[in-house]
Amino acid sequence: MSLDPRISLITLGVEDVARATAFYERLGWRKSPASQESITFIQLKGTVLGLFSRQALAEDARIANTPGGFSGVTLAHNVPSERGVDAVFKFALSCGATEVKKPEKVFWGGYSCYFADPDGHLWEVAYNPFFPLDKDGHVVLGD
C-alpha cells in the first residue's frame, strides 16, 4: 500500500473563527454551506481550507496549544508573473493581511513576498519561472 499523494483539507487553527472567516471572505473566498459556527470550510481549487479554533484543534490532536511563533509552515499562492505577485500582495494587505516581506527577486530565481493572515499564518505569493502553471493555475512540476 502507498499513500495517495494529495492534500484534501488544510485546517488553520485560529483564535476567532468569525474574524478569520471575514478576512478570507475579503480575499474573495466564500465559505461553504457545510460551515458551522465553530468551523468554516472554504472550497479551493482541488482542496478545502478549514478555519477552526486553535484550542479545539490542539485538543483534537491531543497536543498542547503552545504560544504563537514561527510554526515552520507556510502556504503558497503561485501566480504567472511578477506583476501578479505585486497585485496579490497589495490586495491581501487591503483585506487586512500584515506585511511580512515585500515582493522582491529571490535567491532561487523567482519573485515572491510574504504576508500573514490575522492569526499569523504565513502566505507566500510567488512567481516561479521554473514551475509553470496549468490552465487552472496549478503548479506543474513536470515528470
N, C-alpha and C. Protein backbone atom coordinates (compact mmCIF):
# COMPACT_ATOMS: atom_id res chain seq x y z
N MET A 1 0.84 -1.18 0.00
CA MET A 1 0.00 0.00 0.00
C MET A 1 0.88 1.24 0.00
N SER A 2 0.42 2.29 -0.66
CA SER A 2 1.10 3.57 -0.60
C SER A 2 0.06 4.67 -0.40
N LEU A 3 0.50 5.76 0.12
CA LEU A 3 -0.38 6.90 0.38
C LEU A 3 -0.56 7.70 -0.90
N ASP A 4 -1.79 7.96 -1.29
CA ASP A 4 -2.10 8.75 -2.47
C ASP A 4 -1.54 10.16 -2.27
N PRO A 5 -0.72 10.69 -3.19
CA PRO A 5 -0.05 11.98 -2.99
C PRO A 5 -0.97 13.18 -3.24
N ARG A 6 -1.75 13.53 -2.23
CA ARG A 6 -2.61 14.70 -2.33
C ARG A 6 -2.94 15.21 -0.93
N ILE A 7 -3.33 16.45 -0.87
CA ILE A 7 -3.83 17.04 0.37
C ILE A 7 -5.28 17.39 0.12
N SER A 8 -6.17 16.86 0.93
CA SER A 8 -7.59 17.08 0.75
C SER A 8 -8.09 18.32 1.49
N LEU A 9 -7.54 18.54 2.68
CA LEU A 9 -8.01 19.62 3.55
C LEU A 9 -6.84 20.18 4.33
N ILE A 10 -6.74 21.50 4.36
CA ILE A 10 -5.76 22.19 5.19
C ILE A 10 -6.56 22.95 6.24
N THR A 11 -6.30 22.68 7.51
CA THR A 11 -7.02 23.37 8.58
C THR A 11 -6.07 24.29 9.32
N LEU A 12 -6.46 25.54 9.43
CA LEU A 12 -5.69 26.52 10.18
C LEU A 12 -6.33 26.72 11.54
N GLY A 13 -5.54 26.61 12.60
CA GLY A 13 -6.02 26.91 13.94
C GLY A 13 -6.04 28.42 14.12
N VAL A 14 -7.19 28.97 14.46
CA VAL A 14 -7.34 30.42 14.57
C VAL A 14 -7.90 30.79 15.94
N GLU A 15 -7.65 31.99 16.37
CA GLU A 15 -8.16 32.46 17.67
C GLU A 15 -9.64 32.78 17.60
N ASP A 16 -10.11 33.30 16.49
CA ASP A 16 -11.51 33.72 16.34
C ASP A 16 -11.99 33.30 14.95
N VAL A 17 -12.82 32.28 14.90
CA VAL A 17 -13.27 31.73 13.61
C VAL A 17 -13.99 32.80 12.78
N ALA A 18 -14.85 33.59 13.41
CA ALA A 18 -15.60 34.62 12.67
C ALA A 18 -14.65 35.67 12.07
N ARG A 19 -13.67 36.10 12.85
CA ARG A 19 -12.70 37.09 12.35
C ARG A 19 -11.89 36.52 11.19
N ALA A 20 -11.41 35.29 11.34
CA ALA A 20 -10.63 34.66 10.29
C ALA A 20 -11.48 34.46 9.03
N THR A 21 -12.72 34.05 9.21
CA THR A 21 -13.62 33.86 8.07
C THR A 21 -13.81 35.18 7.33
N ALA A 22 -14.02 36.25 8.07
CA ALA A 22 -14.22 37.57 7.45
C ALA A 22 -13.00 37.97 6.63
N PHE A 23 -11.79 37.69 7.13
CA PHE A 23 -10.58 38.02 6.38
C PHE A 23 -10.54 37.27 5.05
N TYR A 24 -10.75 35.96 5.09
CA TYR A 24 -10.68 35.18 3.85
C TYR A 24 -11.82 35.54 2.90
N GLU A 25 -12.97 35.94 3.44
CA GLU A 25 -14.04 36.40 2.57
C GLU A 25 -13.69 37.72 1.89
N ARG A 26 -12.94 38.60 2.59
CA ARG A 26 -12.47 39.84 1.96
C ARG A 26 -11.52 39.53 0.81
N LEU A 27 -10.82 38.40 0.88
CA LEU A 27 -9.96 37.97 -0.23
C LEU A 27 -10.77 37.49 -1.42
N GLY A 28 -12.08 37.32 -1.22
CA GLY A 28 -12.95 36.86 -2.29
C GLY A 28 -13.27 35.38 -2.22
N TRP A 29 -12.82 34.71 -1.16
CA TRP A 29 -13.10 33.29 -0.99
C TRP A 29 -14.40 33.16 -0.22
N ARG A 30 -15.20 32.18 -0.57
CA ARG A 30 -16.52 32.03 0.04
C ARG A 30 -16.62 30.77 0.88
N LYS A 31 -17.23 30.94 2.06
CA LYS A 31 -17.39 29.76 2.92
C LYS A 31 -18.48 28.86 2.35
N SER A 32 -18.30 27.59 2.59
CA SER A 32 -19.21 26.56 2.12
C SER A 32 -20.45 26.50 3.02
N PRO A 33 -21.58 26.10 2.47
CA PRO A 33 -22.76 25.87 3.31
C PRO A 33 -22.52 24.77 4.35
N ALA A 34 -21.48 23.95 4.17
CA ALA A 34 -21.14 22.93 5.16
C ALA A 34 -20.52 23.54 6.42
N SER A 35 -20.20 24.83 6.38
CA SER A 35 -19.61 25.51 7.53
C SER A 35 -20.60 25.57 8.69
N GLN A 36 -20.04 25.67 9.89
CA GLN A 36 -20.84 25.82 11.11
C GLN A 36 -20.25 26.98 11.90
N GLU A 37 -20.87 27.34 13.01
CA GLU A 37 -20.35 28.45 13.81
C GLU A 37 -18.92 28.18 14.28
N SER A 38 -18.61 26.92 14.56
CA SER A 38 -17.30 26.57 15.12
C SER A 38 -16.24 26.27 14.07
N ILE A 39 -16.64 26.12 12.80
CA ILE A 39 -15.66 25.82 11.75
C ILE A 39 -16.16 26.35 10.41
N THR A 40 -15.22 26.91 9.67
CA THR A 40 -15.51 27.39 8.33
C THR A 40 -14.77 26.52 7.34
N PHE A 41 -15.47 26.14 6.27
CA PHE A 41 -14.86 25.41 5.16
C PHE A 41 -14.92 26.30 3.92
N ILE A 42 -13.79 26.42 3.24
CA ILE A 42 -13.72 27.21 2.01
C ILE A 42 -13.23 26.30 0.91
N GLN A 43 -14.05 26.14 -0.13
CA GLN A 43 -13.67 25.29 -1.26
C GLN A 43 -12.64 26.03 -2.11
N LEU A 44 -11.47 25.43 -2.28
CA LEU A 44 -10.43 25.96 -3.15
C LEU A 44 -10.34 25.06 -4.37
N LYS A 45 -9.49 25.38 -5.29
CA LYS A 45 -9.28 24.51 -6.45
C LYS A 45 -8.49 23.29 -6.00
N GLY A 46 -9.17 22.15 -5.90
CA GLY A 46 -8.50 20.90 -5.58
C GLY A 46 -8.33 20.59 -4.11
N THR A 47 -8.70 21.51 -3.22
CA THR A 47 -8.58 21.23 -1.79
C THR A 47 -9.57 22.11 -1.05
N VAL A 48 -9.65 21.92 0.26
CA VAL A 48 -10.53 22.71 1.11
C VAL A 48 -9.68 23.34 2.20
N LEU A 49 -9.96 24.61 2.51
CA LEU A 49 -9.32 25.29 3.63
C LEU A 49 -10.31 25.31 4.77
N GLY A 50 -9.87 24.83 5.94
CA GLY A 50 -10.70 24.86 7.13
C GLY A 50 -10.17 25.88 8.11
N LEU A 51 -11.06 26.58 8.78
CA LEU A 51 -10.71 27.54 9.83
C LEU A 51 -11.40 27.05 11.10
N PHE A 52 -10.60 26.69 12.10
CA PHE A 52 -11.11 26.03 13.30
C PHE A 52 -10.40 26.62 14.50
N SER A 53 -11.05 26.67 15.63
CA SER A 53 -10.43 27.19 16.84
C SER A 53 -9.07 26.52 17.10
N ARG A 54 -8.05 27.34 17.34
CA ARG A 54 -6.71 26.81 17.61
C ARG A 54 -6.74 25.89 18.82
N GLN A 55 -7.45 26.29 19.87
CA GLN A 55 -7.53 25.49 21.08
C GLN A 55 -8.24 24.16 20.80
N ALA A 56 -9.35 24.21 20.07
CA ALA A 56 -10.09 22.98 19.76
C ALA A 56 -9.28 22.06 18.86
N LEU A 57 -8.51 22.65 17.92
CA LEU A 57 -7.67 21.85 17.04
C LEU A 57 -6.58 21.14 17.83
N ALA A 58 -5.96 21.86 18.76
CA ALA A 58 -4.93 21.24 19.61
C ALA A 58 -5.53 20.12 20.46
N GLU A 59 -6.71 20.36 21.01
CA GLU A 59 -7.37 19.33 21.81
C GLU A 59 -7.69 18.10 20.96
N ASP A 60 -8.16 18.33 19.73
CA ASP A 60 -8.50 17.22 18.85
C ASP A 60 -7.26 16.37 18.53
N ALA A 61 -6.12 17.03 18.36
CA ALA A 61 -4.87 16.32 18.07
C ALA A 61 -4.18 15.81 19.33
N ARG A 62 -4.72 16.17 20.48
CA ARG A 62 -4.17 15.79 21.79
C ARG A 62 -2.74 16.30 21.98
N ILE A 63 -2.57 17.59 21.64
CA ILE A 63 -1.28 18.24 21.87
C ILE A 63 -1.52 19.56 22.60
N ALA A 64 -0.46 20.11 23.17
CA ALA A 64 -0.57 21.38 23.88
C ALA A 64 -0.73 22.53 22.88
N ASN A 65 -1.55 23.48 23.24
CA ASN A 65 -1.73 24.69 22.43
C ASN A 65 -0.65 25.68 22.84
N THR A 66 0.52 25.54 22.26
CA THR A 66 1.67 26.37 22.64
C THR A 66 1.54 27.77 22.05
N PRO A 67 2.20 28.75 22.67
CA PRO A 67 2.13 30.12 22.18
C PRO A 67 2.60 30.25 20.73
N GLY A 68 2.14 31.32 20.09
CA GLY A 68 2.48 31.57 18.69
C GLY A 68 3.96 31.75 18.47
N GLY A 69 4.32 31.84 17.24
CA GLY A 69 5.69 31.95 16.79
C GLY A 69 5.76 31.28 15.44
N PHE A 70 6.91 31.19 14.87
CA PHE A 70 7.02 30.56 13.57
C PHE A 70 6.73 29.08 13.70
N SER A 71 5.74 28.62 12.95
CA SER A 71 5.32 27.22 13.04
C SER A 71 6.13 26.30 12.15
N GLY A 72 6.93 26.88 11.25
CA GLY A 72 7.67 26.06 10.30
C GLY A 72 6.84 25.70 9.09
N VAL A 73 5.68 26.33 8.93
CA VAL A 73 4.79 26.04 7.80
C VAL A 73 4.40 27.34 7.11
N THR A 74 4.42 27.33 5.79
CA THR A 74 3.86 28.43 5.02
C THR A 74 2.92 27.86 3.98
N LEU A 75 1.97 28.66 3.57
CA LEU A 75 1.07 28.31 2.49
C LEU A 75 1.47 29.17 1.31
N ALA A 76 1.35 28.66 0.11
CA ALA A 76 1.81 29.42 -1.05
C ALA A 76 0.70 29.58 -2.08
N HIS A 77 0.72 30.72 -2.72
CA HIS A 77 -0.19 31.05 -3.81
C HIS A 77 0.70 31.49 -4.97
N ASN A 78 0.82 30.64 -6.00
CA ASN A 78 1.66 30.98 -7.14
C ASN A 78 0.84 31.70 -8.20
N VAL A 79 1.49 32.64 -8.85
CA VAL A 79 0.86 33.43 -9.91
C VAL A 79 1.78 33.42 -11.13
N PRO A 80 1.25 33.78 -12.32
CA PRO A 80 2.03 33.64 -13.55
C PRO A 80 3.00 34.78 -13.88
N SER A 81 3.15 35.78 -12.99
CA SER A 81 4.05 36.89 -13.32
C SER A 81 4.48 37.65 -12.06
N GLU A 82 5.55 38.42 -12.20
CA GLU A 82 5.98 39.28 -11.09
C GLU A 82 4.91 40.32 -10.79
N ARG A 83 4.31 40.87 -11.84
CA ARG A 83 3.24 41.84 -11.64
C ARG A 83 2.08 41.23 -10.86
N GLY A 84 1.82 39.96 -11.10
CA GLY A 84 0.78 39.26 -10.35
C GLY A 84 1.09 39.18 -8.87
N VAL A 85 2.36 38.95 -8.53
CA VAL A 85 2.78 38.93 -7.12
C VAL A 85 2.48 40.28 -6.49
N ASP A 86 2.90 41.35 -7.17
CA ASP A 86 2.67 42.69 -6.64
C ASP A 86 1.18 42.95 -6.40
N ALA A 87 0.35 42.56 -7.36
CA ALA A 87 -1.09 42.81 -7.27
C ALA A 87 -1.74 42.01 -6.14
N VAL A 88 -1.39 40.73 -6.02
CA VAL A 88 -1.97 39.90 -4.96
C VAL A 88 -1.53 40.43 -3.59
N PHE A 89 -0.26 40.79 -3.45
CA PHE A 89 0.25 41.32 -2.19
C PHE A 89 -0.51 42.58 -1.79
N LYS A 90 -0.65 43.50 -2.71
CA LYS A 90 -1.35 44.76 -2.43
C LYS A 90 -2.80 44.48 -2.04
N PHE A 91 -3.45 43.56 -2.76
CA PHE A 91 -4.83 43.22 -2.46
C PHE A 91 -4.95 42.58 -1.08
N ALA A 92 -4.08 41.63 -0.75
CA ALA A 92 -4.12 40.97 0.56
C ALA A 92 -3.97 41.99 1.69
N LEU A 93 -3.06 42.95 1.52
CA LEU A 93 -2.88 43.98 2.55
C LEU A 93 -4.15 44.82 2.69
N SER A 94 -4.80 45.12 1.57
CA SER A 94 -6.04 45.91 1.63
C SER A 94 -7.17 45.14 2.32
N CYS A 95 -7.05 43.81 2.37
CA CYS A 95 -8.06 42.97 3.03
C CYS A 95 -7.76 42.74 4.50
N GLY A 96 -6.64 43.27 4.99
CA GLY A 96 -6.31 43.13 6.40
C GLY A 96 -5.11 42.26 6.71
N ALA A 97 -4.43 41.76 5.68
CA ALA A 97 -3.21 40.98 5.92
C ALA A 97 -2.11 41.90 6.46
N THR A 98 -1.14 41.30 7.12
CA THR A 98 0.02 42.02 7.64
C THR A 98 1.22 41.76 6.74
N GLU A 99 1.89 42.83 6.37
CA GLU A 99 3.10 42.69 5.54
C GLU A 99 4.19 42.00 6.34
N VAL A 100 4.79 40.98 5.75
CA VAL A 100 5.92 40.28 6.37
C VAL A 100 7.18 40.54 5.55
N LYS A 101 7.10 40.37 4.24
CA LYS A 101 8.25 40.63 3.34
C LYS A 101 7.70 41.17 2.02
N LYS A 102 8.16 42.35 1.66
CA LYS A 102 7.72 42.96 0.40
C LYS A 102 8.14 42.11 -0.80
N PRO A 103 7.41 42.23 -1.91
CA PRO A 103 7.81 41.49 -3.11
C PRO A 103 9.23 41.84 -3.55
N GLU A 104 9.99 40.82 -3.89
CA GLU A 104 11.37 41.03 -4.35
C GLU A 104 11.86 39.82 -5.13
N LYS A 105 12.90 40.05 -5.93
CA LYS A 105 13.57 38.93 -6.60
C LYS A 105 14.26 38.12 -5.50
N VAL A 106 14.20 36.79 -5.64
CA VAL A 106 14.72 35.92 -4.58
C VAL A 106 15.83 35.01 -5.10
N PHE A 107 16.59 34.45 -4.17
CA PHE A 107 17.80 33.70 -4.47
C PHE A 107 17.58 32.53 -5.43
N TRP A 108 16.39 31.95 -5.45
CA TRP A 108 16.16 30.77 -6.29
C TRP A 108 15.73 31.13 -7.70
N GLY A 109 15.71 32.43 -8.03
CA GLY A 109 15.44 32.85 -9.39
C GLY A 109 14.03 33.32 -9.66
N GLY A 110 13.20 33.35 -8.65
CA GLY A 110 11.82 33.82 -8.82
C GLY A 110 11.61 35.17 -8.18
N TYR A 111 10.38 35.44 -7.85
CA TYR A 111 9.96 36.72 -7.29
C TYR A 111 8.86 36.40 -6.29
N SER A 112 9.00 36.84 -5.05
CA SER A 112 8.00 36.46 -4.06
C SER A 112 7.90 37.47 -2.93
N CYS A 113 6.89 37.26 -2.11
CA CYS A 113 6.66 38.08 -0.91
C CYS A 113 5.94 37.20 0.11
N TYR A 114 5.79 37.74 1.31
CA TYR A 114 5.04 37.05 2.35
C TYR A 114 4.11 38.02 3.05
N PHE A 115 2.91 37.53 3.37
CA PHE A 115 2.01 38.26 4.26
C PHE A 115 1.48 37.27 5.29
N ALA A 116 0.94 37.81 6.38
CA ALA A 116 0.34 36.98 7.42
C ALA A 116 -1.15 37.28 7.51
N ASP A 117 -1.93 36.23 7.74
CA ASP A 117 -3.36 36.43 7.98
C ASP A 117 -3.53 36.95 9.40
N PRO A 118 -4.75 37.24 9.85
CA PRO A 118 -4.92 37.80 11.20
C PRO A 118 -4.41 36.93 12.34
N ASP A 119 -4.21 35.63 12.10
CA ASP A 119 -3.68 34.75 13.14
C ASP A 119 -2.19 34.47 12.98
N GLY A 120 -1.55 35.16 12.04
CA GLY A 120 -0.12 34.99 11.84
C GLY A 120 0.28 33.87 10.91
N HIS A 121 -0.68 33.19 10.27
CA HIS A 121 -0.33 32.15 9.30
C HIS A 121 0.32 32.81 8.10
N LEU A 122 1.49 32.30 7.73
CA LEU A 122 2.25 32.91 6.64
C LEU A 122 1.81 32.41 5.28
N TRP A 123 1.61 33.34 4.38
CA TRP A 123 1.29 33.06 2.98
C TRP A 123 2.40 33.64 2.12
N GLU A 124 2.94 32.81 1.26
CA GLU A 124 3.90 33.28 0.25
C GLU A 124 3.13 33.47 -1.04
N VAL A 125 3.38 34.58 -1.71
CA VAL A 125 2.87 34.79 -3.06
C VAL A 125 4.09 34.77 -3.95
N ALA A 126 4.09 33.90 -4.97
CA ALA A 126 5.32 33.71 -5.74
C ALA A 126 5.06 33.59 -7.23
N TYR A 127 6.02 34.11 -7.97
CA TYR A 127 6.15 33.81 -9.39
C TYR A 127 7.40 32.96 -9.49
N ASN A 128 7.24 31.73 -9.98
CA ASN A 128 8.37 30.82 -10.12
C ASN A 128 8.49 30.45 -11.60
N PRO A 129 9.50 31.00 -12.28
CA PRO A 129 9.63 30.73 -13.71
C PRO A 129 9.98 29.27 -14.02
N PHE A 130 10.35 28.49 -13.01
CA PHE A 130 10.73 27.10 -13.21
C PHE A 130 9.56 26.14 -12.99
N PHE A 131 8.47 26.62 -12.40
CA PHE A 131 7.27 25.82 -12.16
C PHE A 131 6.10 26.49 -12.86
N PRO A 132 5.88 26.17 -14.12
CA PRO A 132 4.77 26.80 -14.84
C PRO A 132 3.43 26.41 -14.22
N LEU A 133 2.42 27.24 -14.49
CA LEU A 133 1.06 26.97 -14.02
C LEU A 133 0.24 26.42 -15.18
N ASP A 134 -0.62 25.45 -14.88
CA ASP A 134 -1.52 24.94 -15.93
C ASP A 134 -2.70 25.90 -16.10
N LYS A 135 -3.64 25.54 -16.96
CA LYS A 135 -4.77 26.43 -17.25
C LYS A 135 -5.63 26.71 -16.03
N ASP A 136 -5.56 25.86 -15.01
CA ASP A 136 -6.33 26.05 -13.78
C ASP A 136 -5.53 26.75 -12.69
N GLY A 137 -4.29 27.13 -12.99
CA GLY A 137 -3.46 27.82 -12.01
C GLY A 137 -2.72 26.90 -11.07
N HIS A 138 -2.66 25.59 -11.37
CA HIS A 138 -1.93 24.65 -10.53
C HIS A 138 -0.47 24.57 -11.00
N VAL A 139 0.44 24.43 -10.05
CA VAL A 139 1.86 24.28 -10.36
C VAL A 139 2.09 22.96 -11.09
N VAL A 140 2.91 23.02 -12.13
CA VAL A 140 3.26 21.83 -12.90
C VAL A 140 4.75 21.56 -12.69
N LEU A 141 5.05 20.47 -12.01
CA LEU A 141 6.45 20.14 -11.71
C LEU A 141 7.12 19.36 -12.82
N GLY A 142 6.39 18.83 -13.74
CA GLY A 142 6.98 18.01 -14.81
C GLY A 142 7.06 16.56 -14.37
N ASP A 143 7.63 15.75 -15.23
CA ASP A 143 7.70 14.32 -14.95
C ASP A 143 9.07 13.89 -14.47
